[in-house]
N, C-alpha and C. Protein backbone atom coordinates (compact mmCIF):
# COMPACT_ATOMS: atom_id res chain seq x y z
N UNK A 1 0.93 -1.14 -0.09
CA UNK A 1 0.05 0.17 -0.08
C UNK A 1 0.79 1.28 0.05
N UNK A 2 0.38 2.51 -0.18
CA UNK A 2 1.04 3.59 -0.85
C UNK A 2 0.56 4.60 0.29
N UNK A 3 1.49 4.99 1.21
CA UNK A 3 1.20 6.11 2.61
C UNK A 3 1.84 7.26 2.28
N UNK A 4 1.12 8.19 2.81
CA UNK A 4 1.97 9.78 3.24
C UNK A 4 2.19 9.75 4.81
N UNK A 5 3.28 9.85 5.28
CA UNK A 5 3.18 9.85 6.69
C UNK A 5 3.65 10.90 7.26
N UNK A 6 2.62 11.84 7.81
CA UNK A 6 2.69 13.17 8.06
C UNK A 6 3.98 13.49 9.37
N UNK A 7 4.48 14.69 9.68
CA UNK A 7 5.55 14.66 10.46
C UNK A 7 5.24 14.26 11.86
N UNK A 8 3.97 13.97 12.32
CA UNK A 8 3.57 13.34 13.73
C UNK A 8 3.74 11.93 13.80
N UNK A 9 3.90 11.07 12.59
CA UNK A 9 3.96 9.96 12.51
C UNK A 9 5.50 9.63 12.92
N UNK A 10 5.48 8.36 14.11
CA UNK A 10 6.70 8.01 14.61
C UNK A 10 7.67 7.21 13.61
N UNK A 11 8.90 7.54 13.66
CA UNK A 11 9.80 6.89 13.00
C UNK A 11 9.90 5.60 12.90
N UNK A 12 9.65 4.81 14.12
CA UNK A 12 9.43 3.29 13.87
C UNK A 12 8.56 2.76 13.38
N UNK A 13 7.29 3.44 13.13
CA UNK A 13 6.22 3.10 12.41
C UNK A 13 6.50 3.25 11.22
N UNK A 14 6.94 4.17 10.53
CA UNK A 14 7.26 4.33 9.31
C UNK A 14 8.45 3.38 8.78
N UNK A 15 9.38 3.02 9.47
CA UNK A 15 10.32 2.15 9.34
C UNK A 15 9.55 0.66 9.12
N UNK A 16 8.70 0.36 10.18
CA UNK A 16 7.97 -1.16 10.00
C UNK A 16 7.10 -1.24 8.82
N UNK A 17 6.51 -0.31 8.25
CA UNK A 17 5.82 -0.21 7.29
C UNK A 17 6.54 -0.34 6.09
N UNK A 18 7.72 0.20 5.98
CA UNK A 18 8.57 0.07 4.62
C UNK A 18 9.11 -1.45 4.93
N UNK A 19 9.49 -2.10 5.90
CA UNK A 19 10.04 -3.29 5.97
C UNK A 19 9.05 -4.41 5.79
N UNK A 20 7.71 -4.14 5.77
CA UNK A 20 6.77 -4.70 5.47
C UNK A 20 6.14 -4.82 4.02
N UNK A 21 6.90 -3.88 3.40
CA UNK A 21 6.88 -3.70 1.89
C UNK A 21 5.83 -2.60 1.43
N UNK A 22 5.63 -1.76 2.27
CA UNK A 22 4.70 -0.67 1.87
C UNK A 22 5.55 0.48 1.40
N UNK A 23 4.90 1.36 0.59
CA UNK A 23 5.76 2.41 0.03
C UNK A 23 5.23 3.77 0.89
N UNK A 24 6.00 4.08 1.63
CA UNK A 24 5.75 5.23 2.60
C UNK A 24 6.66 6.54 2.25
N UNK A 25 6.13 7.63 2.02
CA UNK A 25 6.77 9.12 1.82
C UNK A 25 6.60 9.54 3.32
N UNK A 26 7.70 9.89 3.94
CA UNK A 26 7.55 10.70 5.19
C UNK A 26 7.68 12.16 4.92
N UNK A 27 6.97 13.00 5.42
CA UNK A 27 6.77 14.15 5.25
C UNK A 27 8.35 14.68 6.03
N UNK A 28 8.50 14.37 7.03
CA UNK A 28 10.05 14.74 7.69
C UNK A 28 10.91 14.62 6.75
N UNK A 29 10.75 13.76 5.88
CA UNK A 29 12.19 13.60 4.91
C UNK A 29 12.25 14.26 3.60
N UNK A 30 10.93 14.56 3.40
CA UNK A 30 10.62 15.59 2.08
C UNK A 30 10.15 16.57 2.03
N UNK A 31 9.35 17.10 3.10
CA UNK A 31 8.75 18.42 3.08
C UNK A 31 8.61 18.97 4.44
N UNK A 32 9.76 18.81 5.13
CA UNK A 32 9.60 19.16 6.52
C UNK A 32 8.94 20.62 6.73
N UNK A 33 7.98 20.84 7.46
CA UNK A 33 7.23 21.82 8.00
C UNK A 33 5.96 22.21 7.12
N UNK A 34 5.79 21.20 6.29
CA UNK A 34 4.51 21.42 5.28
C UNK A 34 3.46 21.61 6.28
N UNK A 35 2.52 22.56 5.60
CA UNK A 35 1.05 22.47 6.38
C UNK A 35 0.17 21.60 6.28
N UNK A 36 -0.69 21.35 7.01
CA UNK A 36 -1.70 20.05 7.08
C UNK A 36 -2.42 19.89 5.44
N UNK A 37 -2.73 21.32 5.21
CA UNK A 37 -3.29 21.29 3.83
C UNK A 37 -2.43 20.59 2.69
N UNK A 38 -1.10 20.99 2.58
CA UNK A 38 0.02 20.62 1.67
C UNK A 38 0.21 19.14 1.81
N UNK A 39 0.26 18.75 3.28
CA UNK A 39 0.14 17.14 3.16
C UNK A 39 -0.94 16.46 2.59
N UNK A 40 -2.18 16.89 2.82
CA UNK A 40 -3.33 16.37 2.31
C UNK A 40 -3.52 16.42 0.86
N UNK A 41 -3.17 17.52 0.21
CA UNK A 41 -2.82 17.78 -1.22
C UNK A 41 -2.14 16.56 -1.75
N UNK A 42 -0.75 16.45 -1.26
CA UNK A 42 0.26 15.63 -1.67
C UNK A 42 -0.18 14.04 -1.88
N UNK A 43 -1.09 13.66 -0.69
CA UNK A 43 -1.37 12.42 -0.54
C UNK A 43 -2.49 12.11 -1.79
N UNK A 44 -3.26 13.20 -1.87
CA UNK A 44 -4.44 12.93 -2.79
C UNK A 44 -3.76 13.15 -4.19
N UNK A 45 -2.79 13.81 -4.42
CA UNK A 45 -2.40 13.99 -5.79
C UNK A 45 -1.40 12.79 -6.06
N UNK A 46 -1.15 11.98 -5.18
CA UNK A 46 0.05 10.93 -5.16
C UNK A 46 -0.72 9.51 -5.03
N UNK A 47 -1.96 9.58 -4.91
CA UNK A 47 -3.06 8.55 -4.47
C UNK A 47 -2.49 7.86 -3.41
N UNK A 48 -2.21 8.49 -2.33
CA UNK A 48 -1.67 7.75 -1.05
C UNK A 48 -2.51 7.96 0.07
N UNK A 49 -2.42 6.98 0.86
CA UNK A 49 -3.42 7.02 2.38
C UNK A 49 -2.26 7.86 3.13
N UNK A 50 -3.12 8.82 3.68
CA UNK A 50 -2.23 9.77 4.59
C UNK A 50 -2.66 8.99 6.27
N UNK A 51 -1.21 8.77 6.96
CA UNK A 51 -1.12 8.25 8.28
C UNK A 51 -0.57 9.48 9.13
N UNK A 52 -1.21 9.72 10.21
CA UNK A 52 -1.29 10.33 11.01
C UNK A 52 -1.47 10.28 12.57
N UNK A 53 -0.72 11.19 13.30
CA UNK A 53 -1.10 11.06 14.96
C UNK A 53 -1.76 12.24 15.15
N UNK A 54 -2.16 13.14 14.35
CA UNK A 54 -2.93 14.25 14.49
C UNK A 54 -4.35 14.32 14.02
N UNK A 55 -5.01 14.67 14.94
CA UNK A 55 -6.53 14.75 14.85
C UNK A 55 -6.89 15.89 14.01
N UNK A 56 -6.02 17.19 13.69
CA UNK A 56 -6.59 18.17 13.00
C UNK A 56 -6.99 17.53 11.39
N UNK A 57 -6.29 16.46 10.80
CA UNK A 57 -6.61 16.05 9.64
C UNK A 57 -8.29 15.60 9.57
N UNK A 58 -9.01 15.19 10.59
CA UNK A 58 -10.10 14.87 10.76
C UNK A 58 -11.22 16.01 10.44
N UNK A 59 -10.56 17.35 11.25
CA UNK A 59 -11.37 18.37 10.82
C UNK A 59 -11.36 18.77 9.17
N UNK A 60 -10.09 18.59 8.60
CA UNK A 60 -9.87 18.86 7.36
C UNK A 60 -10.92 18.11 6.36
N UNK A 61 -10.84 16.96 6.54
CA UNK A 61 -11.45 15.76 5.79
C UNK A 61 -12.86 15.63 6.09
N UNK A 62 -13.41 15.43 7.45
CA UNK A 62 -14.56 15.20 7.86
C UNK A 62 -15.46 16.68 7.72
N UNK A 63 -15.07 17.36 8.54
CA UNK A 63 -15.76 18.80 9.11
C UNK A 63 -15.85 19.46 7.71
N UNK A 64 -14.64 19.88 6.85
CA UNK A 64 -14.52 20.66 5.86
C UNK A 64 -14.68 19.92 4.64
N UNK A 65 -14.94 18.84 4.66
CA UNK A 65 -15.18 17.72 3.40
C UNK A 65 -14.13 17.84 2.23
N UNK A 66 -12.83 18.11 2.57
CA UNK A 66 -11.67 18.12 1.78
C UNK A 66 -11.64 16.73 1.37
N UNK A 67 -11.56 16.46 0.16
CA UNK A 67 -11.13 15.30 -0.75
C UNK A 67 -9.90 14.59 -0.37
N UNK A 68 -9.81 13.33 -0.06
CA UNK A 68 -8.74 12.83 0.17
C UNK A 68 -8.86 11.17 -0.26
N UNK A 69 -7.74 10.54 -0.34
CA UNK A 69 -7.59 8.95 -0.53
C UNK A 69 -7.94 8.08 0.79
N UNK A 70 -7.88 8.85 1.88
CA UNK A 70 -8.25 8.26 2.96
C UNK A 70 -7.24 8.71 4.12
N UNK A 71 -7.67 8.57 5.17
CA UNK A 71 -6.74 8.89 6.60
C UNK A 71 -6.82 8.01 7.46
N UNK A 72 -5.64 7.76 7.84
CA UNK A 72 -5.66 6.68 8.89
C UNK A 72 -4.83 7.53 10.16
N UNK A 73 -5.52 7.63 11.19
CA UNK A 73 -5.41 7.94 12.54
C UNK A 73 -4.80 7.16 13.49
N UNK A 74 -3.42 7.05 13.95
CA UNK A 74 -2.96 5.93 14.72
C UNK A 74 -2.59 6.92 16.24
N UNK A 75 -3.67 6.51 16.82
CA UNK A 75 -3.40 6.83 18.28
C UNK A 75 -3.03 5.46 19.26
N UNK A 76 -2.16 5.54 19.93
CA UNK A 76 -1.92 4.53 20.97
C UNK A 76 -1.78 5.19 22.47
N UNK A 77 -2.35 4.35 23.52
CA UNK A 77 -2.10 4.85 24.91
C UNK A 77 -0.27 4.77 24.81
N UNK A 78 -0.21 5.59 25.98
CA UNK A 78 1.47 5.71 26.04
C UNK A 78 2.15 4.35 26.59
N UNK A 79 1.08 3.42 27.26
CA UNK A 79 1.87 2.13 27.81
C UNK A 79 1.97 1.20 26.72
N UNK A 80 1.37 1.64 25.65
CA UNK A 80 1.22 0.53 24.44
C UNK A 80 2.10 1.00 23.15
N UNK A 81 2.81 2.14 23.19
CA UNK A 81 3.69 2.82 22.31
C UNK A 81 4.85 1.90 21.66
N UNK A 82 5.28 0.97 22.63
CA UNK A 82 6.48 0.06 22.23
C UNK A 82 5.85 -0.84 21.09
N UNK A 83 4.53 -1.28 21.46
CA UNK A 83 3.94 -2.06 20.34
C UNK A 83 3.74 -1.68 18.94
N UNK A 84 3.27 -0.09 18.96
CA UNK A 84 2.82 0.46 17.84
C UNK A 84 3.43 0.02 16.48
N UNK A 85 4.75 0.04 16.35
CA UNK A 85 5.26 -0.23 14.94
C UNK A 85 4.73 -1.60 14.23
N UNK A 86 4.95 -2.66 15.03
CA UNK A 86 4.38 -3.97 14.60
C UNK A 86 2.77 -3.88 14.63
N UNK A 87 2.24 -3.27 15.44
CA UNK A 87 0.57 -3.42 15.31
C UNK A 87 0.31 -2.74 13.96
N UNK A 88 0.72 -1.46 14.00
CA UNK A 88 0.33 -0.55 12.66
C UNK A 88 0.82 -1.39 11.27
N UNK A 89 1.92 -1.88 11.33
CA UNK A 89 2.57 -2.72 9.86
C UNK A 89 1.37 -3.75 9.83
N UNK A 90 0.90 -4.50 11.11
CA UNK A 90 0.25 -5.94 10.62
C UNK A 90 -1.18 -5.40 10.20
């Protein structure tokens, strides 16, 4: 699957997805400081699912009806953070 990982996405999660064979563009690597709108536009233009830990994308996509190819909100309780990369990749 093809993803755009916004800057809030944890590096171990991005790495786990890549190791599982997914194509992940990390905003922190290619467009650090991009606005949420720019990140969402990039995901849409490249036909990638946006992966984020930032709830602001819900406001953009659902409340403001911005088009998207999908958004995955990755939120884990602090006690489960160690398990997050493997769970997300699975």
